[in-house]
């Protein structure tokens, strides 16, 4: 349910910043659960140079997400 709530927020951020989110279903790609220690859905990871630089668990407001992404661009 929370993933469905986060999805339109992600789409707005993608459009506003001209970026693209990579959506991963960890139940279909189970290696991500261990690799990124996923426990909560949704979890948003900002990855830069193959390193997680920011992590959000649960629904994230658009403003907070945009600010975090801008910081790492």
PDB file of N, CA and C in Angstrom:
ATOM      1  N   UNK A   1       0.816  -1.193   0.000  1.00  0.00           N
ATOM      2  CA  UNK A   1       0.000   0.000   0.000  1.00  0.00           C
ATOM      3  C   UNK A   1       0.864   1.262   0.000  1.00  0.00           C
ATOM      4  N   UNK A   2       1.878   1.316   0.849  1.00  0.00           N
ATOM      5  CA  UNK A   2       2.737   2.505   0.918  1.00  0.00           C
ATOM      6  C   UNK A   2       3.493   2.714  -0.395  1.00  0.00           C
ATOM      7  N   UNK A   3       3.846   1.622  -1.062  1.00  0.00           N
ATOM      8  CA  UNK A   3       4.528   1.746  -2.357  1.00  0.00           C
ATOM      9  C   UNK A   3       3.620   2.440  -3.364  1.00  0.00           C
ATOM     10  N   UNK A   4       2.345   2.117  -3.329  1.00  0.00           N
ATOM     11  CA  UNK A   4       1.391   2.758  -4.232  1.00  0.00           C
ATOM     12  C   UNK A   4       1.247   4.245  -3.914  1.00  0.00           C
ATOM     13  N   UNK A   5       1.382   4.609  -2.654  1.00  0.00           N
ATOM     14  CA  UNK A   5       1.330   6.011  -2.256  1.00  0.00           C
ATOM     15  C   UNK A   5       2.599   6.753  -2.695  1.00  0.00           C
ATOM     16  N   UNK A   6       3.738   6.074  -2.663  1.00  0.00           N
ATOM     17  CA  UNK A   6       5.016   6.696  -3.018  1.00  0.00           C
ATOM     18  C   UNK A   6       5.169   6.868  -4.520  1.00  0.00           C
ATOM     19  N   UNK A   7       4.586   5.993  -5.299  1.00  0.00           N
ATOM     20  CA  UNK A   7       4.784   5.998  -6.747  1.00  0.00           C
ATOM     21  C   UNK A   7       4.470   7.342  -7.414  1.00  0.00           C
ATOM     22  N   UNK A   8       3.322   7.975  -7.158  1.00  0.00           N
ATOM     23  CA  UNK A   8       3.074   9.264  -7.822  1.00  0.00           C
ATOM     24  C   UNK A   8       4.042  10.357  -7.372  1.00  0.00           C
ATOM     25  N   UNK A   9       4.505  10.271  -6.140  1.00  0.00           N
ATOM     26  CA  UNK A   9       5.504  11.235  -5.664  1.00  0.00           C
ATOM     27  C   UNK A   9       6.788  11.058  -6.453  1.00  0.00           C
ATOM     28  N   UNK A  10       7.200   9.818  -6.628  1.00  0.00           N
ATOM     29  CA  UNK A  10       8.416   9.543  -7.407  1.00  0.00           C
ATOM     30  C   UNK A  10       8.277  10.077  -8.827  1.00  0.00           C
ATOM     31  N   UNK A  11       7.109   9.878  -9.444  1.00  0.00           N
ATOM     32  CA  UNK A  11       6.887  10.357 -10.819  1.00  0.00           C
ATOM     33  C   UNK A  11       7.002  11.878 -10.890  1.00  0.00           C
ATOM     34  N   UNK A  12       6.464  12.578  -9.890  1.00  0.00           N
ATOM     35  CA  UNK A  12       6.566  14.043  -9.855  1.00  0.00           C
ATOM     36  C   UNK A  12       8.021  14.486  -9.746  1.00  0.00           C
ATOM     37  N   UNK A  13       8.788  13.817  -8.916  1.00  0.00           N
ATOM     38  CA  UNK A  13      10.201  14.154  -8.737  1.00  0.00           C
ATOM     39  C   UNK A  13      10.982  13.856 -10.013  1.00  0.00           C
ATOM     40  N   UNK A  14      10.698  12.739 -10.642  1.00  0.00           N
ATOM     41  CA  UNK A  14      11.356  12.418 -11.914  1.00  0.00           C
ATOM     42  C   UNK A  14      11.123  13.534 -12.924  1.00  0.00           C
ATOM     43  N   UNK A  15       9.891  13.956 -13.041  1.00  0.00           N
ATOM     44  CA  UNK A  15       9.550  14.995 -14.012  1.00  0.00           C
ATOM     45  C   UNK A  15      10.190  16.335 -13.641  1.00  0.00           C
ATOM     46  N   UNK A  16      10.143  16.689 -12.383  1.00  0.00           N
ATOM     47  CA  UNK A  16      10.678  17.977 -11.939  1.00  0.00           C
ATOM     48  C   UNK A  16      12.193  18.064 -12.121  1.00  0.00           C
ATOM     49  N   UNK A  17      12.892  16.949 -11.912  1.00  0.00           N
ATOM     50  CA  UNK A  17      14.354  16.964 -11.965  1.00  0.00           C
ATOM     51  C   UNK A  17      14.930  16.393 -13.256  1.00  0.00           C
ATOM     52  N   UNK A  18      14.073  15.834 -14.096  1.00  0.00           N
ATOM     53  CA  UNK A  18      14.557  15.244 -15.340  1.00  0.00           C
ATOM     54  C   UNK A  18      15.430  14.026 -15.103  1.00  0.00           C
ATOM     55  N   UNK A  19      15.050  13.225 -14.122  1.00  0.00           N
ATOM     56  CA  UNK A  19      15.801  12.009 -13.802  1.00  0.00           C
ATOM     57  C   UNK A  19      14.871  10.813 -13.940  1.00  0.00           C
ATOM     58  N   UNK A  20      15.423   9.635 -13.735  1.00  0.00           N
ATOM     59  CA  UNK A  20      14.625   8.418 -13.798  1.00  0.00           C
ATOM     60  C   UNK A  20      14.946   7.549 -12.605  1.00  0.00           C
ATOM     61  N   UNK A  21      13.910   7.102 -11.908  1.00  0.00           N
ATOM     62  CA  UNK A  21      14.070   6.170 -10.800  1.00  0.00           C
ATOM     63  C   UNK A  21      14.143   4.760 -11.353  1.00  0.00           C
ATOM     64  N   UNK A  22      14.934   3.934 -10.740  1.00  0.00           N
ATOM     65  CA  UNK A  22      14.943   2.510 -11.082  1.00  0.00           C
ATOM     66  C   UNK A  22      14.136   1.797 -10.008  1.00  0.00           C
ATOM     67  N   UNK A  23      13.014   1.252 -10.415  1.00  0.00           N
ATOM     68  CA  UNK A  23      12.143   0.552  -9.477  1.00  0.00           C
ATOM     69  C   UNK A  23      12.532  -0.924  -9.443  1.00  0.00           C
ATOM     70  N   UNK A  24      12.712  -1.424  -8.244  1.00  0.00           N
ATOM     71  CA  UNK A  24      13.105  -2.821  -8.071  1.00  0.00           C
ATOM     72  C   UNK A  24      12.131  -3.483  -7.112  1.00  0.00           C
ATOM     73  N   UNK A  25      11.632  -4.622  -7.504  1.00  0.00           N
ATOM     74  CA  UNK A  25      10.791  -5.419  -6.623  1.00  0.00           C
ATOM     75  C   UNK A  25      11.703  -6.442  -5.947  1.00  0.00           C
ATOM     76  N   UNK A  26      12.045  -6.229  -4.677  1.00  0.00           N
ATOM     77  CA  UNK A  26      12.993  -7.129  -4.010  1.00  0.00           C
ATOM     78  C   UNK A  26      12.468  -8.553  -3.853  1.00  0.00           C
ATOM     79  N   UNK A  27      11.167  -8.741  -3.939  1.00  0.00           N
ATOM     80  CA  UNK A  27      10.641 -10.100  -3.865  1.00  0.00           C
ATOM     81  C   UNK A  27      10.948 -10.875  -5.139  1.00  0.00           C
ATOM     82  N   UNK A  28      11.121 -10.154  -6.239  1.00  0.00           N
ATOM     83  CA  UNK A  28      11.496 -10.802  -7.491  1.00  0.00           C
ATOM     84  C   UNK A  28      13.014 -10.843  -7.663  1.00  0.00           C
ATOM     85  N   UNK A  29      13.704  -9.907  -7.041  1.00  0.00           N
ATOM     86  CA  UNK A  29      15.168  -9.858  -7.110  1.00  0.00           C
ATOM     87  C   UNK A  29      15.696  -9.855  -5.680  1.00  0.00           C
ATOM     88  N   UNK A  30      15.642 -11.014  -5.064  1.00  0.00           N
ATOM     89  CA  UNK A  30      15.900 -11.172  -3.636  1.00  0.00           C
ATOM     90  C   UNK A  30      17.306 -10.753  -3.207  1.00  0.00           C
ATOM     91  N   UNK A  31      18.253 -10.720  -4.099  1.00  0.00           N
ATOM     92  CA  UNK A  31      19.613 -10.330  -3.723  1.00  0.00           C
ATOM     93  C   UNK A  31      19.667  -8.909  -3.181  1.00  0.00           C
ATOM     94  N   UNK A  32      18.712  -8.063  -3.622  1.00  0.00           N
ATOM     95  CA  UNK A  32      18.688  -6.682  -3.146  1.00  0.00           C
ATOM     96  C   UNK A  32      18.349  -6.601  -1.659  1.00  0.00           C
ATOM     97  N   UNK A  33      17.576  -7.535  -1.156  1.00  0.00           N
ATOM     98  CA  UNK A  33      17.217  -7.532   0.261  1.00  0.00           C
ATOM     99  C   UNK A  33      18.467  -7.619   1.119  1.00  0.00           C
ATOM    100  N   UNK A  34      19.339  -8.542   0.808  1.00  0.00           N
ATOM    101  CA  UNK A  34      20.575  -8.702   1.580  1.00  0.00           C
ATOM    102  C   UNK A  34      21.585  -7.597   1.281  1.00  0.00           C
ATOM    103  N   UNK A  35      21.748  -7.286   0.020  1.00  0.00           N
ATOM    104  CA  UNK A  35      22.742  -6.288  -0.371  1.00  0.00           C
ATOM    105  C   UNK A  35      22.484  -4.944   0.285  1.00  0.00           C
ATOM    106  N   UNK A  36      21.218  -4.528   0.308  1.00  0.00           N
ATOM    107  CA  UNK A  36      20.881  -3.196   0.821  1.00  0.00           C
ATOM    108  C   UNK A  36      20.152  -3.232   2.163  1.00  0.00           C
ATOM    109  N   UNK A  37      20.102  -4.403   2.794  1.00  0.00           N
ATOM    110  CA  UNK A  37      19.489  -4.553   4.110  1.00  0.00           C
ATOM    111  C   UNK A  37      18.069  -3.975   4.131  1.00  0.00           C
ATOM    112  N   UNK A  38      17.268  -4.403   3.186  1.00  0.00           N
ATOM    113  CA  UNK A  38      15.903  -3.898   3.059  1.00  0.00           C
ATOM    114  C   UNK A  38      14.995  -4.569   4.074  1.00  0.00           C
ATOM    115  N   UNK A  39      14.264  -3.727   4.824  1.00  0.00           N
ATOM    116  CA  UNK A  39      13.336  -4.239   5.817  1.00  0.00           C
ATOM    117  C   UNK A  39      11.967  -3.570   5.714  1.00  0.00           C
ATOM    118  N   UNK A  40      11.917  -2.402   5.085  1.00  0.00           N
ATOM    119  CA  UNK A  40      10.697  -1.603   5.031  1.00  0.00           C
ATOM    120  C   UNK A  40      10.372  -1.308   3.573  1.00  0.00           C
ATOM    121  N   UNK A  41       9.067  -1.317   3.247  1.00  0.00           N
ATOM    122  CA  UNK A  41       8.665  -0.882   1.912  1.00  0.00           C
ATOM    123  C   UNK A  41       7.765   0.326   2.046  1.00  0.00           C
ATOM    124  N   UNK A  42       7.943   1.301   1.226  1.00  0.00           N
ATOM    125  CA  UNK A  42       9.023   1.398   0.255  1.00  0.00           C
ATOM    126  C   UNK A  42      10.326   1.844   0.917  1.00  0.00           C
ATOM    127  N   UNK A  43      11.423   1.494   0.298  1.00  0.00           N
ATOM    128  CA  UNK A  43      12.735   2.021   0.664  1.00  0.00           C
ATOM    129  C   UNK A  43      13.293   2.692  -0.576  1.00  0.00           C
ATOM    130  N   UNK A  44      13.739   3.924  -0.416  1.00  0.00           N
ATOM    131  CA  UNK A  44      14.350   4.664  -1.526  1.00  0.00           C
ATOM    132  C   UNK A  44      15.821   4.832  -1.196  1.00  0.00           C
ATOM    133  N   UNK A  45      16.658   4.402  -2.126  1.00  0.00           N
ATOM    134  CA  UNK A  45      18.102   4.542  -1.972  1.00  0.00           C
ATOM    135  C   UNK A  45      18.614   5.491  -3.042  1.00  0.00           C
ATOM    136  N   UNK A  46      19.418   6.442  -2.635  1.00  0.00           N
ATOM    137  CA  UNK A  46      20.122   7.287  -3.596  1.00  0.00           C
ATOM    138  C   UNK A  46      21.527   6.720  -3.672  1.00  0.00           C
ATOM    139  N   UNK A  47      21.869   6.238  -4.855  1.00  0.00           N
ATOM    140  CA  UNK A  47      23.152   5.575  -5.066  1.00  0.00           C
ATOM    141  C   UNK A  47      24.006   6.453  -5.963  1.00  0.00           C
ATOM    142  N   UNK A  48      25.225   6.701  -5.518  1.00  0.00           N
ATOM    143  CA  UNK A  48      26.167   7.496  -6.289  1.00  0.00           C
ATOM    144  C   UNK A  48      27.502   6.768  -6.281  1.00  0.00           C
ATOM    145  N   UNK A  49      28.061   6.575  -7.447  1.00  0.00           N
ATOM    146  CA  UNK A  49      29.334   5.846  -7.573  1.00  0.00           C
ATOM    147  C   UNK A  49      29.261   4.488  -6.873  1.00  0.00           C
ATOM    148  N   UNK A  50      28.148   3.782  -7.100  1.00  0.00           N
ATOM    149  CA  UNK A  50      27.921   2.438  -6.546  1.00  0.00           C
ATOM    150  C   UNK A  50      27.890   2.403  -5.020  1.00  0.00           C
ATOM    151  N   UNK A  51      27.610   3.538  -4.388  1.00  0.00           N
ATOM    152  CA  UNK A  51      27.547   3.628  -2.930  1.00  0.00           C
ATOM    153  C   UNK A  51      26.234   4.291  -2.520  1.00  0.00           C
ATOM    154  N   UNK A  52      25.566   3.751  -1.518  1.00  0.00           N
ATOM    155  CA  UNK A  52      24.336   4.363  -1.021  1.00  0.00           C
ATOM    156  C   UNK A  52      24.724   5.613  -0.234  1.00  0.00           C
ATOM    157  N   UNK A  53      24.243   6.766  -0.717  1.00  0.00           N
ATOM    158  CA  UNK A  53      24.581   8.037  -0.064  1.00  0.00           C
ATOM    159  C   UNK A  53      23.394   8.606   0.711  1.00  0.00           C
ATOM    160  N   UNK A  54      22.217   8.071   0.468  1.00  0.00           N
ATOM    161  CA  UNK A  54      21.017   8.530   1.173  1.00  0.00           C
ATOM    162  C   UNK A  54      20.009   7.394   1.161  1.00  0.00           C
ATOM    163  N   UNK A  55      19.299   7.244   2.265  1.00  0.00           N
ATOM    164  CA  UNK A  55      18.332   6.147   2.402  1.00  0.00           C
ATOM    165  C   UNK A  55      17.070   6.681   3.069  1.00  0.00           C
ATOM    166  N   UNK A  56      15.925   6.336   2.498  1.00  0.00           N
ATOM    167  CA  UNK A  56      14.632   6.705   3.067  1.00  0.00           C
ATOM    168  C   UNK A  56      13.797   5.445   3.194  1.00  0.00           C
ATOM    169  N   UNK A  57      13.198   5.243   4.336  1.00  0.00           N
ATOM    170  CA  UNK A  57      12.317   4.101   4.545  1.00  0.00           C
ATOM    171  C   UNK A  57      10.916   4.619   4.824  1.00  0.00           C
ATOM    172  N   UNK A  58       9.938   4.057   4.138  1.00  0.00           N
ATOM    173  CA  UNK A  58       8.571   4.530   4.260  1.00  0.00           C
ATOM    174  C   UNK A  58       8.309   5.621   3.230  1.00  0.00           C
ATOM    175  N   UNK A  59       7.128   6.184   3.277  1.00  0.00           N
ATOM    176  CA  UNK A  59       6.739   7.209   2.313  1.00  0.00           C
ATOM    177  C   UNK A  59       7.522   8.488   2.587  1.00  0.00           C
ATOM    178  N   UNK A  60       8.067   9.072   1.514  1.00  0.00           N
ATOM    179  CA  UNK A  60       8.868  10.293   1.602  1.00  0.00           C
ATOM    180  C   UNK A  60       8.138  11.404   0.866  1.00  0.00           C
ATOM    181  N   UNK A  61       8.049  12.570   1.486  1.00  0.00           N
ATOM    182  CA  UNK A  61       7.403  13.709   0.848  1.00  0.00           C
ATOM    183  C   UNK A  61       8.245  14.230  -0.312  1.00  0.00           C
ATOM    184  N   UNK A  62       7.579  14.762  -1.289  1.00  0.00           N
ATOM    185  CA  UNK A  62       8.241  15.229  -2.511  1.00  0.00           C
ATOM    186  C   UNK A  62       9.372  16.212  -2.212  1.00  0.00           C
ATOM    187  N   UNK A  63       9.123  17.189  -1.385  1.00  0.00           N
ATOM    188  CA  UNK A  63      10.119  18.227  -1.109  1.00  0.00           C
ATOM    189  C   UNK A  63      11.387  17.624  -0.510  1.00  0.00           C
ATOM    190  N   UNK A  64      11.219  16.717   0.423  1.00  0.00           N
ATOM    191  CA  UNK A  64      12.367  16.078   1.082  1.00  0.00           C
ATOM    192  C   UNK A  64      13.161  15.236   0.083  1.00  0.00           C
ATOM    193  N   UNK A  65      12.457  14.514  -0.757  1.00  0.00           N
ATOM    194  CA  UNK A  65      13.113  13.666  -1.742  1.00  0.00           C
ATOM    195  C   UNK A  65      13.854  14.502  -2.780  1.00  0.00           C
ATOM    196  N   UNK A  66      13.211  15.546  -3.282  1.00  0.00           N
ATOM    197  CA  UNK A  66      13.866  16.431  -4.255  1.00  0.00           C
ATOM    198  C   UNK A  66      15.113  17.063  -3.674  1.00  0.00           C
ATOM    199  N   UNK A  67      15.025  17.537  -2.443  1.00  0.00           N
ATOM    200  CA  UNK A  67      16.176  18.184  -1.804  1.00  0.00           C
ATOM    201  C   UNK A  67      17.353  17.209  -1.689  1.00  0.00           C
ATOM    202  N   UNK A  68      17.072  15.993  -1.273  1.00  0.00           N
ATOM    203  CA  UNK A  68      18.131  14.991  -1.123  1.00  0.00           C
ATOM    204  C   UNK A  68      18.779  14.667  -2.465  1.00  0.00           C
ATOM    205  N   UNK A  69      17.965  14.525  -3.498  1.00  0.00           N
ATOM    206  CA  UNK A  69      18.512  14.206  -4.819  1.00  0.00           C
ATOM    207  C   UNK A  69      19.338  15.372  -5.344  1.00  0.00           C
ATOM    208  N   UNK A  70      18.814  16.581  -5.217  1.00  0.00           N
ATOM    209  CA  UNK A  70      19.571  17.766  -5.671  1.00  0.00           C
ATOM    210  C   UNK A  70      20.925  17.843  -4.982  1.00  0.00           C
ATOM    211  N   UNK A  71      20.947  17.512  -3.710  1.00  0.00           N
ATOM    212  CA  UNK A  71      22.199  17.563  -2.938  1.00  0.00           C
ATOM    213  C   UNK A  71      23.264  16.637  -3.529  1.00  0.00           C
ATOM    214  N   UNK A  72      22.830  15.533  -4.114  1.00  0.00           N
ATOM    215  CA  UNK A  72      23.778  14.537  -4.608  1.00  0.00           C
ATOM    216  C   UNK A  72      24.000  14.597  -6.119  1.00  0.00           C
ATOM    217  N   UNK A  73      23.342  15.524  -6.810  1.00  0.00           N
ATOM    218  CA  UNK A  73      23.565  15.654  -8.267  1.00  0.00           C
ATOM    219  C   UNK A  73      24.895  16.316  -8.557  1.00  0.00           C
TER     220      UNK A  73
END
